[in-house]
């Protein structure tokens, strides 16, 4: 995000980049750590990806360092962009999936449903807030059609997760077992029909 901003708009100080991140709400839908921006700029400077151009001071405000992207920074930007476009995974690590797959034994079914409903509610609110941010930014002219489409993708991801919660809640309502008692790779607990032994025919 920082390298792309410098490449697109030219030299910027950290506050300008941070302001763009806040206006576009990229921390919410893009996973950009806005609070770490200044630290990242200094790290990129050490790596030769950005360089200081000048220091600006307006009135009594603290002095601000203006950065520009370097040739190495442009190469890194291309590499990061290609990596992101090639990546086919929608999400990173899935602690919820791990917990539901391995750690629900002995858990009260209704407590599980209540906890998942609370999570579903929080997700639904996040989708509504992100959609409202998108509409506001569009109305103010901060987003073009392309950027709006990208934010819409984030909304759709969250809405899909909400629908999955609804489907899982229906499954839990049917009294299906919370866990398979047969470990993966072990012989199935299903017995062969009488008189046919254990052969597969």
N, C-alpha and C. Protein backbone atom coordinates (compact mmCIF):
# COMPACT_ATOMS: atom_id res chain seq x y z
N UNK A 1 0.84 -1.20 0.00
CA UNK A 1 0.00 0.00 0.00
C UNK A 1 0.88 1.25 0.00
N UNK A 2 1.91 1.27 0.87
CA UNK A 2 2.78 2.45 0.96
C UNK A 2 3.60 2.62 -0.32
N UNK A 3 4.20 1.54 -0.81
CA UNK A 3 4.99 1.64 -2.03
C UNK A 3 4.12 2.04 -3.22
N UNK A 4 2.94 1.46 -3.30
CA UNK A 4 2.03 1.80 -4.39
C UNK A 4 1.59 3.24 -4.35
N UNK A 5 1.38 3.76 -3.15
CA UNK A 5 0.98 5.16 -2.99
C UNK A 5 2.09 6.10 -3.44
N UNK A 6 3.32 5.78 -3.05
CA UNK A 6 4.45 6.61 -3.45
C UNK A 6 4.68 6.53 -4.96
N UNK A 7 4.49 5.35 -5.52
CA UNK A 7 4.66 5.20 -6.97
C UNK A 7 3.59 5.96 -7.74
N UNK A 8 2.39 5.99 -7.21
CA UNK A 8 1.28 6.64 -7.92
C UNK A 8 1.27 8.15 -7.76
N UNK A 9 1.48 8.62 -6.53
CA UNK A 9 1.30 10.04 -6.24
C UNK A 9 2.60 10.82 -6.10
N UNK A 10 3.74 10.13 -6.14
CA UNK A 10 5.00 10.83 -5.96
C UNK A 10 5.35 10.98 -4.49
N UNK A 11 6.36 11.79 -4.15
CA UNK A 11 6.82 11.93 -2.76
C UNK A 11 5.68 12.30 -1.81
N UNK A 12 5.64 11.62 -0.67
CA UNK A 12 4.61 11.83 0.36
C UNK A 12 5.25 11.69 1.72
N UNK A 13 4.69 12.36 2.71
CA UNK A 13 5.12 12.09 4.08
C UNK A 13 4.18 11.07 4.70
N UNK A 14 4.63 10.51 5.80
CA UNK A 14 3.89 9.41 6.41
C UNK A 14 2.45 9.76 6.73
N UNK A 15 2.21 10.99 7.16
CA UNK A 15 0.85 11.39 7.52
C UNK A 15 -0.08 11.35 6.30
N UNK A 16 0.44 11.73 5.15
CA UNK A 16 -0.38 11.68 3.92
C UNK A 16 -0.76 10.24 3.57
N UNK A 17 0.22 9.35 3.69
CA UNK A 17 -0.05 7.94 3.39
C UNK A 17 -1.03 7.37 4.40
N UNK A 18 -0.82 7.71 5.66
CA UNK A 18 -1.73 7.23 6.71
C UNK A 18 -3.14 7.76 6.50
N UNK A 19 -3.25 9.02 6.10
CA UNK A 19 -4.57 9.61 5.87
C UNK A 19 -5.29 8.89 4.74
N UNK A 20 -4.56 8.55 3.68
CA UNK A 20 -5.16 7.81 2.57
C UNK A 20 -5.63 6.44 3.05
N UNK A 21 -4.84 5.79 3.91
CA UNK A 21 -5.23 4.49 4.45
C UNK A 21 -6.51 4.61 5.27
N UNK A 22 -6.61 5.68 6.04
CA UNK A 22 -7.79 5.87 6.89
C UNK A 22 -9.02 6.21 6.05
N UNK A 23 -8.85 7.05 5.04
CA UNK A 23 -9.98 7.46 4.21
C UNK A 23 -10.53 6.26 3.43
N UNK A 24 -9.63 5.41 2.93
CA UNK A 24 -10.08 4.24 2.15
C UNK A 24 -10.42 3.06 3.05
N UNK A 25 -10.15 3.17 4.36
CA UNK A 25 -10.45 2.11 5.31
C UNK A 25 -9.74 0.80 4.95
N UNK A 26 -8.54 0.90 4.38
CA UNK A 26 -7.83 -0.29 3.92
C UNK A 26 -7.40 -1.19 5.07
N UNK A 27 -7.30 -0.64 6.27
CA UNK A 27 -6.98 -1.49 7.41
C UNK A 27 -8.06 -2.51 7.68
N UNK A 28 -9.32 -2.15 7.40
CA UNK A 28 -10.45 -3.05 7.64
C UNK A 28 -10.54 -4.13 6.59
N UNK A 29 -10.50 -3.76 5.33
CA UNK A 29 -10.74 -4.76 4.28
C UNK A 29 -9.47 -5.29 3.64
N UNK A 30 -8.33 -4.60 3.86
CA UNK A 30 -7.10 -5.05 3.22
C UNK A 30 -6.06 -5.59 4.18
N UNK A 31 -6.36 -5.53 5.49
CA UNK A 31 -5.41 -6.06 6.46
C UNK A 31 -4.16 -5.22 6.63
N UNK A 32 -4.18 -3.97 6.16
CA UNK A 32 -3.01 -3.09 6.30
C UNK A 32 -2.95 -2.56 7.73
N UNK A 33 -1.80 -2.69 8.36
CA UNK A 33 -1.63 -2.21 9.73
C UNK A 33 -1.28 -0.73 9.70
N UNK A 34 -2.30 0.11 9.79
CA UNK A 34 -2.09 1.55 9.68
C UNK A 34 -1.21 2.06 10.81
N UNK A 35 -1.34 1.52 12.00
CA UNK A 35 -0.55 1.96 13.14
C UNK A 35 0.94 1.70 12.98
N UNK A 36 1.29 0.73 12.13
CA UNK A 36 2.70 0.38 11.95
C UNK A 36 3.33 1.10 10.76
N UNK A 37 2.60 2.04 10.16
CA UNK A 37 3.05 2.65 8.91
C UNK A 37 4.41 3.34 9.05
N UNK A 38 4.58 4.15 10.09
CA UNK A 38 5.84 4.90 10.23
C UNK A 38 7.02 3.95 10.44
N UNK A 39 6.79 2.91 11.24
CA UNK A 39 7.84 1.91 11.46
C UNK A 39 8.19 1.21 10.15
N UNK A 40 7.17 0.91 9.35
CA UNK A 40 7.41 0.24 8.07
C UNK A 40 8.16 1.15 7.10
N UNK A 41 7.84 2.45 7.11
CA UNK A 41 8.57 3.38 6.25
C UNK A 41 10.06 3.42 6.61
N UNK A 42 10.34 3.43 7.91
CA UNK A 42 11.75 3.44 8.33
C UNK A 42 12.44 2.13 7.94
N UNK A 43 11.72 1.01 8.08
CA UNK A 43 12.29 -0.28 7.70
C UNK A 43 12.55 -0.33 6.19
N UNK A 44 11.61 0.21 5.40
CA UNK A 44 11.80 0.22 3.96
C UNK A 44 12.95 1.14 3.56
N UNK A 45 13.14 2.21 4.34
CA UNK A 45 14.28 3.08 4.07
C UNK A 45 15.59 2.34 4.30
N UNK A 46 15.66 1.56 5.39
CA UNK A 46 16.88 0.78 5.66
C UNK A 46 17.13 -0.24 4.56
N UNK A 47 16.07 -0.76 3.97
CA UNK A 47 16.20 -1.75 2.91
C UNK A 47 16.44 -1.13 1.55
N UNK A 48 16.41 0.21 1.48
CA UNK A 48 16.66 0.88 0.21
C UNK A 48 15.46 0.93 -0.72
N UNK A 49 14.26 0.68 -0.18
CA UNK A 49 13.04 0.69 -1.01
C UNK A 49 12.45 2.10 -1.13
N UNK A 50 12.67 2.91 -0.10
CA UNK A 50 12.26 4.32 -0.14
C UNK A 50 13.44 5.15 0.34
N UNK A 51 13.40 6.44 0.04
CA UNK A 51 14.46 7.33 0.51
C UNK A 51 13.85 8.67 0.89
N UNK A 52 14.52 9.35 1.81
CA UNK A 52 14.05 10.67 2.25
C UNK A 52 14.35 11.69 1.16
N UNK A 53 13.38 12.57 0.93
CA UNK A 53 13.55 13.65 -0.03
C UNK A 53 13.81 14.97 0.69
N UNK A 54 13.02 15.23 1.71
CA UNK A 54 13.15 16.47 2.45
C UNK A 54 12.34 16.35 3.74
N UNK A 55 12.44 17.37 4.57
CA UNK A 55 11.64 17.46 5.79
C UNK A 55 10.79 18.72 5.69
N UNK A 56 9.50 18.56 6.00
CA UNK A 56 8.57 19.69 5.94
C UNK A 56 8.06 20.01 7.34
N UNK A 57 7.86 21.29 7.60
CA UNK A 57 7.28 21.70 8.87
C UNK A 57 6.29 22.83 8.62
N UNK A 58 5.08 22.64 9.10
CA UNK A 58 4.04 23.65 8.95
C UNK A 58 3.70 24.18 10.33
N UNK A 59 3.95 25.46 10.54
CA UNK A 59 3.64 26.07 11.83
C UNK A 59 4.38 25.38 12.96
N UNK A 60 3.65 25.08 14.02
CA UNK A 60 4.25 24.42 15.18
C UNK A 60 4.09 22.91 15.14
N UNK A 61 3.59 22.41 14.06
CA UNK A 61 3.44 20.96 13.95
C UNK A 61 4.81 20.29 13.88
N UNK A 62 4.89 19.03 14.30
CA UNK A 62 6.17 18.33 14.21
C UNK A 62 6.65 18.25 12.75
N UNK A 63 7.95 18.23 12.58
CA UNK A 63 8.52 18.10 11.23
C UNK A 63 8.14 16.74 10.65
N UNK A 64 7.87 16.72 9.35
CA UNK A 64 7.46 15.49 8.68
C UNK A 64 8.46 15.14 7.58
N UNK A 65 8.87 13.90 7.58
CA UNK A 65 9.82 13.43 6.57
C UNK A 65 9.07 13.00 5.32
N UNK A 66 9.49 13.53 4.19
CA UNK A 66 8.88 13.19 2.91
C UNK A 66 9.72 12.10 2.26
N UNK A 67 9.05 11.02 1.83
CA UNK A 67 9.73 9.87 1.22
C UNK A 67 9.36 9.77 -0.26
N UNK A 68 10.27 9.17 -1.01
CA UNK A 68 9.94 8.79 -2.38
C UNK A 68 10.40 7.35 -2.60
N UNK A 69 9.76 6.68 -3.55
CA UNK A 69 10.11 5.31 -3.86
C UNK A 69 11.40 5.28 -4.67
N UNK A 70 12.23 4.27 -4.44
CA UNK A 70 13.48 4.12 -5.18
C UNK A 70 13.28 3.11 -6.31
N UNK A 71 14.34 2.94 -7.11
CA UNK A 71 14.29 1.94 -8.19
C UNK A 71 14.10 0.54 -7.59
N UNK A 72 14.81 0.25 -6.49
CA UNK A 72 14.63 -1.04 -5.82
C UNK A 72 13.21 -1.17 -5.28
N UNK A 73 12.67 -0.06 -4.81
CA UNK A 73 11.30 -0.07 -4.31
C UNK A 73 10.30 -0.40 -5.41
N UNK A 74 10.54 0.10 -6.60
CA UNK A 74 9.63 -0.21 -7.73
C UNK A 74 9.72 -1.69 -8.10
N UNK A 75 10.92 -2.25 -8.04
CA UNK A 75 11.06 -3.69 -8.30
C UNK A 75 10.32 -4.50 -7.24
N UNK A 76 10.46 -4.08 -5.97
CA UNK A 76 9.77 -4.76 -4.88
C UNK A 76 8.25 -4.65 -5.04
N UNK A 77 7.79 -3.47 -5.47
CA UNK A 77 6.36 -3.26 -5.67
C UNK A 77 5.83 -4.22 -6.74
N UNK A 78 6.57 -4.38 -7.83
CA UNK A 78 6.16 -5.31 -8.89
C UNK A 78 6.10 -6.74 -8.34
N UNK A 79 7.12 -7.13 -7.57
CA UNK A 79 7.16 -8.48 -7.01
C UNK A 79 5.99 -8.72 -6.05
N UNK A 80 5.71 -7.74 -5.19
CA UNK A 80 4.61 -7.87 -4.23
C UNK A 80 3.26 -7.94 -4.95
N UNK A 81 3.11 -7.11 -5.98
CA UNK A 81 1.85 -7.12 -6.74
C UNK A 81 1.63 -8.46 -7.41
N UNK A 82 2.67 -8.99 -8.05
CA UNK A 82 2.53 -10.28 -8.73
C UNK A 82 2.24 -11.40 -7.74
N UNK A 83 2.89 -11.34 -6.58
CA UNK A 83 2.65 -12.34 -5.54
C UNK A 83 1.20 -12.30 -5.07
N UNK A 84 0.68 -11.10 -4.85
CA UNK A 84 -0.70 -10.95 -4.38
C UNK A 84 -1.70 -11.43 -5.41
N UNK A 85 -1.43 -11.16 -6.70
CA UNK A 85 -2.37 -11.56 -7.75
C UNK A 85 -2.34 -13.07 -7.95
N UNK A 86 -1.16 -13.68 -7.80
CA UNK A 86 -1.07 -15.14 -7.97
C UNK A 86 -1.73 -15.89 -6.82
N UNK A 87 -1.74 -15.29 -5.64
CA UNK A 87 -2.25 -15.97 -4.45
C UNK A 87 -3.73 -16.27 -4.62
N UNK A 88 -4.09 -17.54 -4.50
CA UNK A 88 -5.48 -17.96 -4.72
C UNK A 88 -6.23 -18.18 -3.42
N UNK A 89 -5.58 -18.01 -2.27
CA UNK A 89 -6.25 -18.23 -1.00
C UNK A 89 -6.98 -16.97 -0.58
N UNK A 90 -8.20 -17.15 -0.08
CA UNK A 90 -8.99 -16.00 0.33
C UNK A 90 -8.62 -15.52 1.72
N UNK A 91 -8.21 -16.45 2.57
CA UNK A 91 -7.93 -16.08 3.95
C UNK A 91 -6.61 -16.71 4.38
N UNK A 92 -6.08 -16.23 5.48
CA UNK A 92 -4.88 -16.81 6.04
C UNK A 92 -5.24 -17.96 6.96
N UNK A 93 -4.50 -18.12 8.05
CA UNK A 93 -4.79 -19.19 9.01
C UNK A 93 -6.24 -19.13 9.48
N UNK A 94 -6.81 -20.27 9.76
CA UNK A 94 -8.24 -20.36 10.11
C UNK A 94 -8.39 -20.96 11.50
N UNK A 95 -8.20 -20.16 12.57
CA UNK A 95 -8.33 -20.71 13.91
C UNK A 95 -9.72 -21.24 14.21
N UNK A 96 -10.76 -20.65 13.64
CA UNK A 96 -12.11 -21.15 13.87
C UNK A 96 -12.25 -22.56 13.29
N UNK A 97 -11.76 -22.75 12.06
CA UNK A 97 -11.83 -24.08 11.45
C UNK A 97 -11.09 -25.12 12.26
N UNK A 98 -9.92 -24.75 12.80
CA UNK A 98 -9.15 -25.68 13.62
C UNK A 98 -9.91 -26.01 14.90
N UNK A 99 -10.47 -24.99 15.55
CA UNK A 99 -11.22 -25.22 16.79
C UNK A 99 -12.43 -26.11 16.57
N UNK A 100 -13.17 -25.85 15.49
CA UNK A 100 -14.37 -26.66 15.23
C UNK A 100 -14.01 -28.08 14.81
N UNK A 101 -12.85 -28.25 14.17
CA UNK A 101 -12.45 -29.58 13.71
C UNK A 101 -11.90 -30.45 14.83
N UNK A 102 -11.21 -29.82 15.81
CA UNK A 102 -10.47 -30.62 16.77
C UNK A 102 -10.82 -30.40 18.23
N UNK A 103 -11.60 -29.38 18.55
CA UNK A 103 -11.73 -29.02 19.97
C UNK A 103 -13.17 -28.83 20.44
N UNK A 104 -14.14 -29.48 19.80
CA UNK A 104 -15.53 -29.31 20.25
C UNK A 104 -16.03 -30.50 21.07
N UNK A 105 -15.17 -31.52 21.24
CA UNK A 105 -15.59 -32.68 22.04
C UNK A 105 -16.00 -32.24 23.44
N UNK A 106 -17.16 -32.69 23.85
CA UNK A 106 -17.64 -32.38 25.20
C UNK A 106 -18.26 -31.01 25.34
N UNK A 107 -18.27 -30.22 24.30
CA UNK A 107 -18.85 -28.89 24.39
C UNK A 107 -20.37 -28.97 24.27
N UNK A 108 -21.06 -28.20 25.08
CA UNK A 108 -22.51 -28.16 25.01
C UNK A 108 -22.93 -27.58 23.66
N UNK A 109 -23.83 -28.29 22.97
CA UNK A 109 -24.24 -27.89 21.63
C UNK A 109 -24.86 -26.49 21.61
N UNK A 110 -25.72 -26.19 22.58
CA UNK A 110 -26.37 -24.89 22.58
C UNK A 110 -25.39 -23.76 22.90
N UNK A 111 -24.40 -24.06 23.75
CA UNK A 111 -23.38 -23.04 24.01
C UNK A 111 -22.58 -22.75 22.74
N UNK A 112 -22.28 -23.80 21.98
CA UNK A 112 -21.57 -23.63 20.72
C UNK A 112 -22.41 -22.80 19.74
N UNK A 113 -23.69 -23.13 19.65
CA UNK A 113 -24.56 -22.37 18.74
C UNK A 113 -24.64 -20.91 19.16
N UNK A 114 -24.76 -20.65 20.47
CA UNK A 114 -24.83 -19.27 20.95
C UNK A 114 -23.55 -18.51 20.61
N UNK A 115 -22.39 -19.16 20.81
CA UNK A 115 -21.11 -18.49 20.53
C UNK A 115 -20.99 -18.19 19.04
N UNK A 116 -21.39 -19.13 18.21
CA UNK A 116 -21.30 -18.92 16.76
C UNK A 116 -22.31 -17.87 16.30
N UNK A 117 -23.46 -17.80 16.94
CA UNK A 117 -24.43 -16.75 16.59
C UNK A 117 -23.90 -15.36 16.94
N UNK A 118 -23.20 -15.25 18.07
CA UNK A 118 -22.59 -13.97 18.42
C UNK A 118 -21.55 -13.58 17.38
N UNK A 119 -20.74 -14.56 16.95
CA UNK A 119 -19.73 -14.29 15.93
C UNK A 119 -20.40 -13.86 14.62
N UNK A 120 -21.48 -14.56 14.28
CA UNK A 120 -22.22 -14.22 13.06
C UNK A 120 -22.75 -12.79 13.12
N UNK A 121 -23.24 -12.40 14.30
CA UNK A 121 -23.76 -11.04 14.47
C UNK A 121 -22.68 -9.99 14.27
N UNK A 122 -21.49 -10.27 14.83
CA UNK A 122 -20.39 -9.32 14.66
C UNK A 122 -19.98 -9.20 13.20
N UNK A 123 -19.96 -10.34 12.50
CA UNK A 123 -19.61 -10.33 11.08
C UNK A 123 -20.64 -9.55 10.27
N UNK A 124 -21.92 -9.75 10.58
CA UNK A 124 -22.98 -9.04 9.84
C UNK A 124 -22.84 -7.53 10.02
N UNK A 125 -22.50 -7.11 11.24
CA UNK A 125 -22.29 -5.69 11.49
C UNK A 125 -21.09 -5.18 10.70
N UNK A 126 -20.01 -5.97 10.65
CA UNK A 126 -18.82 -5.57 9.89
C UNK A 126 -19.15 -5.40 8.41
N UNK A 127 -19.97 -6.31 7.87
CA UNK A 127 -20.34 -6.21 6.45
C UNK A 127 -21.15 -4.95 6.20
N UNK A 128 -22.08 -4.65 7.12
CA UNK A 128 -22.90 -3.44 6.97
C UNK A 128 -22.03 -2.18 7.06
N UNK A 129 -21.09 -2.16 8.00
CA UNK A 129 -20.24 -0.98 8.16
C UNK A 129 -19.33 -0.78 6.96
N UNK A 130 -18.77 -1.88 6.43
CA UNK A 130 -17.90 -1.77 5.27
C UNK A 130 -18.68 -1.32 4.04
N UNK A 131 -19.89 -1.84 3.88
CA UNK A 131 -20.74 -1.41 2.76
C UNK A 131 -21.10 0.07 2.89
N UNK A 132 -21.35 0.52 4.13
CA UNK A 132 -21.67 1.93 4.35
C UNK A 132 -20.45 2.81 4.07
N UNK A 133 -19.26 2.35 4.48
CA UNK A 133 -18.03 3.10 4.19
C UNK A 133 -17.84 3.22 2.68
N UNK A 134 -18.07 2.14 1.98
CA UNK A 134 -17.91 2.14 0.52
C UNK A 134 -18.86 3.14 -0.12
N UNK A 135 -20.11 3.13 0.31
CA UNK A 135 -21.09 4.06 -0.24
C UNK A 135 -20.72 5.50 0.05
N UNK A 136 -20.22 5.76 1.27
CA UNK A 136 -19.83 7.12 1.66
C UNK A 136 -18.64 7.60 0.83
N UNK A 137 -17.65 6.73 0.67
CA UNK A 137 -16.46 7.10 -0.10
C UNK A 137 -16.79 7.33 -1.57
N UNK A 138 -17.72 6.52 -2.09
CA UNK A 138 -18.16 6.71 -3.47
C UNK A 138 -18.87 8.05 -3.62
N UNK A 139 -19.75 8.35 -2.67
CA UNK A 139 -20.53 9.60 -2.74
C UNK A 139 -19.63 10.83 -2.67
N UNK A 140 -18.53 10.73 -1.92
CA UNK A 140 -17.63 11.86 -1.78
C UNK A 140 -16.59 11.93 -2.90
N UNK A 141 -16.60 10.94 -3.77
CA UNK A 141 -15.66 10.94 -4.88
C UNK A 141 -14.28 10.45 -4.53
N UNK A 142 -14.13 9.78 -3.36
CA UNK A 142 -12.82 9.27 -2.96
C UNK A 142 -12.48 7.95 -3.65
N UNK A 143 -13.49 7.27 -4.17
CA UNK A 143 -13.28 5.98 -4.82
C UNK A 143 -13.72 6.05 -6.27
N UNK A 144 -12.93 5.44 -7.14
CA UNK A 144 -13.36 5.23 -8.51
C UNK A 144 -14.07 3.89 -8.59
N UNK A 145 -14.56 3.57 -9.78
CA UNK A 145 -15.30 2.32 -9.96
C UNK A 145 -14.44 1.11 -9.63
N UNK A 146 -13.16 1.16 -10.01
CA UNK A 146 -12.27 0.03 -9.77
C UNK A 146 -12.06 -0.20 -8.28
N UNK A 147 -11.77 0.88 -7.53
CA UNK A 147 -11.57 0.76 -6.09
C UNK A 147 -12.86 0.34 -5.38
N UNK A 148 -13.99 0.84 -5.88
CA UNK A 148 -15.28 0.45 -5.28
C UNK A 148 -15.52 -1.04 -5.47
N UNK A 149 -15.14 -1.57 -6.64
CA UNK A 149 -15.31 -3.00 -6.90
C UNK A 149 -14.45 -3.82 -5.94
N UNK A 150 -13.26 -3.32 -5.62
CA UNK A 150 -12.38 -4.03 -4.69
C UNK A 150 -12.98 -4.05 -3.29
N UNK A 151 -13.53 -2.92 -2.86
CA UNK A 151 -14.18 -2.89 -1.54
C UNK A 151 -15.41 -3.78 -1.52
N UNK A 152 -16.12 -3.85 -2.64
CA UNK A 152 -17.30 -4.72 -2.73
C UNK A 152 -16.90 -6.17 -2.53
N UNK A 153 -15.73 -6.53 -3.04
CA UNK A 153 -15.22 -7.90 -2.83
C UNK A 153 -15.08 -8.20 -1.35
N UNK A 154 -14.57 -7.23 -0.58
CA UNK A 154 -14.44 -7.43 0.86
C UNK A 154 -15.79 -7.62 1.53
N UNK A 155 -16.78 -6.84 1.11
CA UNK A 155 -18.14 -6.99 1.65
C UNK A 155 -18.68 -8.38 1.34
N UNK A 156 -18.47 -8.84 0.11
CA UNK A 156 -18.98 -10.15 -0.30
C UNK A 156 -18.33 -11.28 0.48
N UNK A 157 -17.03 -11.15 0.78
CA UNK A 157 -16.35 -12.17 1.59
C UNK A 157 -17.03 -12.31 2.95
N UNK A 158 -17.29 -11.17 3.59
CA UNK A 158 -17.91 -11.22 4.92
C UNK A 158 -19.33 -11.76 4.83
N UNK A 159 -20.08 -11.34 3.81
CA UNK A 159 -21.46 -11.83 3.65
C UNK A 159 -21.48 -13.33 3.43
N UNK A 160 -20.50 -13.85 2.71
CA UNK A 160 -20.42 -15.30 2.50
C UNK A 160 -20.18 -16.02 3.81
N UNK A 161 -19.30 -15.45 4.65
CA UNK A 161 -19.04 -16.04 5.96
C UNK A 161 -20.31 -16.02 6.82
N UNK A 162 -21.11 -14.98 6.73
CA UNK A 162 -22.37 -14.90 7.46
C UNK A 162 -23.31 -16.01 7.01
N UNK A 163 -23.41 -16.22 5.70
CA UNK A 163 -24.28 -17.29 5.18
C UNK A 163 -23.80 -18.66 5.63
N UNK A 164 -22.48 -18.85 5.68
CA UNK A 164 -21.94 -20.13 6.16
C UNK A 164 -22.35 -20.36 7.61
N UNK A 165 -22.32 -19.32 8.43
CA UNK A 165 -22.76 -19.45 9.82
C UNK A 165 -24.22 -19.90 9.89
N UNK A 166 -25.05 -19.35 9.01
CA UNK A 166 -26.47 -19.74 8.99
C UNK A 166 -26.62 -21.21 8.64
N UNK A 167 -25.84 -21.67 7.65
CA UNK A 167 -25.90 -23.09 7.25
C UNK A 167 -25.42 -24.00 8.38
N UNK A 168 -24.33 -23.58 9.05
CA UNK A 168 -23.80 -24.40 10.14
C UNK A 168 -24.79 -24.46 11.30
N UNK A 169 -25.48 -23.36 11.56
CA UNK A 169 -26.46 -23.35 12.64
C UNK A 169 -27.60 -24.33 12.33
N UNK A 170 -28.01 -24.38 11.07
CA UNK A 170 -29.04 -25.35 10.69
C UNK A 170 -28.55 -26.78 10.89
N UNK A 171 -27.28 -27.03 10.56
CA UNK A 171 -26.71 -28.37 10.76
C UNK A 171 -26.66 -28.73 12.24
N UNK A 172 -26.26 -27.77 13.07
CA UNK A 172 -26.20 -28.03 14.51
C UNK A 172 -27.59 -28.25 15.10
N UNK A 173 -28.59 -27.66 14.49
CA UNK A 173 -29.96 -27.84 14.97
C UNK A 173 -30.47 -29.25 14.69
N UNK A 174 -29.84 -29.97 13.78
CA UNK A 174 -30.28 -31.31 13.39
C UNK A 174 -29.69 -32.41 14.26
N UNK A 175 -28.96 -32.07 15.32
CA UNK A 175 -28.36 -33.05 16.22
C UNK A 175 -27.30 -33.92 15.56
N UNK A 176 -26.67 -33.41 14.51
CA UNK A 176 -25.57 -34.16 13.90
C UNK A 176 -24.42 -34.22 14.91
N UNK A 177 -23.62 -35.32 14.90
CA UNK A 177 -22.49 -35.42 15.83
C UNK A 177 -21.54 -34.24 15.64
N UNK A 178 -21.00 -33.72 16.75
CA UNK A 178 -20.08 -32.59 16.67
C UNK A 178 -18.71 -33.02 16.17
N UNK A 179 -18.37 -34.30 16.34
CA UNK A 179 -17.06 -34.77 15.91
C UNK A 179 -17.17 -36.20 15.42
N UNK A 180 -16.35 -36.54 14.44
CA UNK A 180 -16.27 -37.91 13.94
C UNK A 180 -15.40 -38.70 14.90
N UNK A 181 -15.91 -39.81 15.40
CA UNK A 181 -15.16 -40.58 16.38
C UNK A 181 -14.07 -41.43 15.74
N UNK A 182 -14.08 -41.57 14.41
CA UNK A 182 -13.05 -42.34 13.73
C UNK A 182 -11.97 -41.41 13.23
N UNK A 183 -10.74 -41.54 13.73
CA UNK A 183 -9.67 -40.64 13.27
C UNK A 183 -9.42 -40.82 11.78
N UNK A 184 -9.05 -39.76 11.08
CA UNK A 184 -8.72 -39.88 9.66
C UNK A 184 -7.62 -40.91 9.45
N UNK A 185 -7.79 -41.74 8.41
CA UNK A 185 -6.79 -42.75 8.09
C UNK A 185 -7.01 -44.07 8.79
N UNK A 186 -7.98 -44.11 9.72
CA UNK A 186 -8.29 -45.36 10.42
C UNK A 186 -9.43 -46.08 9.71
N UNK A 187 -9.56 -47.39 9.91
CA UNK A 187 -10.66 -48.11 9.29
C UNK A 187 -12.00 -47.53 9.69
N UNK A 188 -12.94 -47.52 8.78
CA UNK A 188 -14.25 -46.95 9.05
C UNK A 188 -14.98 -47.77 10.10
N UNK A 189 -15.81 -47.08 10.88
CA UNK A 189 -16.61 -47.77 11.90
C UNK A 189 -17.80 -48.48 11.28
N UNK A 190 -18.07 -48.26 9.98
CA UNK A 190 -19.19 -48.90 9.33
C UNK A 190 -18.90 -50.38 9.16
N UNK A 191 -19.79 -51.24 9.59
CA UNK A 191 -19.59 -52.67 9.53
C UNK A 191 -20.02 -53.23 8.18
N UNK A 192 -19.35 -54.29 7.75
CA UNK A 192 -19.75 -54.96 6.51
C UNK A 192 -21.06 -55.68 6.73
N UNK A 193 -21.86 -55.87 5.67
CA UNK A 193 -23.13 -56.58 5.81
C UNK A 193 -22.90 -58.00 6.30
N UNK A 194 -23.86 -58.57 7.06
CA UNK A 194 -23.71 -59.91 7.61
C UNK A 194 -23.41 -60.92 6.49
N UNK A 195 -22.51 -61.87 6.79
CA UNK A 195 -22.21 -62.96 5.86
C UNK A 195 -21.21 -62.59 4.79
N UNK A 196 -20.71 -61.35 4.73
CA UNK A 196 -19.81 -60.97 3.66
C UNK A 196 -18.41 -60.67 4.18
N UNK A 197 -18.17 -60.94 5.47
CA UNK A 197 -16.84 -60.70 6.02
C UNK A 197 -16.44 -59.26 5.94
N UNK A 198 -15.14 -59.06 5.80
CA UNK A 198 -14.63 -57.69 5.73
C UNK A 198 -14.09 -57.36 4.35
N UNK A 199 -14.36 -58.24 3.35
CA UNK A 199 -13.85 -57.96 2.00
C UNK A 199 -14.65 -56.87 1.35
N UNK A 200 -13.98 -56.09 0.48
CA UNK A 200 -14.67 -55.11 -0.32
C UNK A 200 -15.01 -55.75 -1.64
N UNK A 201 -16.25 -55.82 -2.01
CA UNK A 201 -16.67 -56.50 -3.23
C UNK A 201 -17.43 -55.54 -4.13
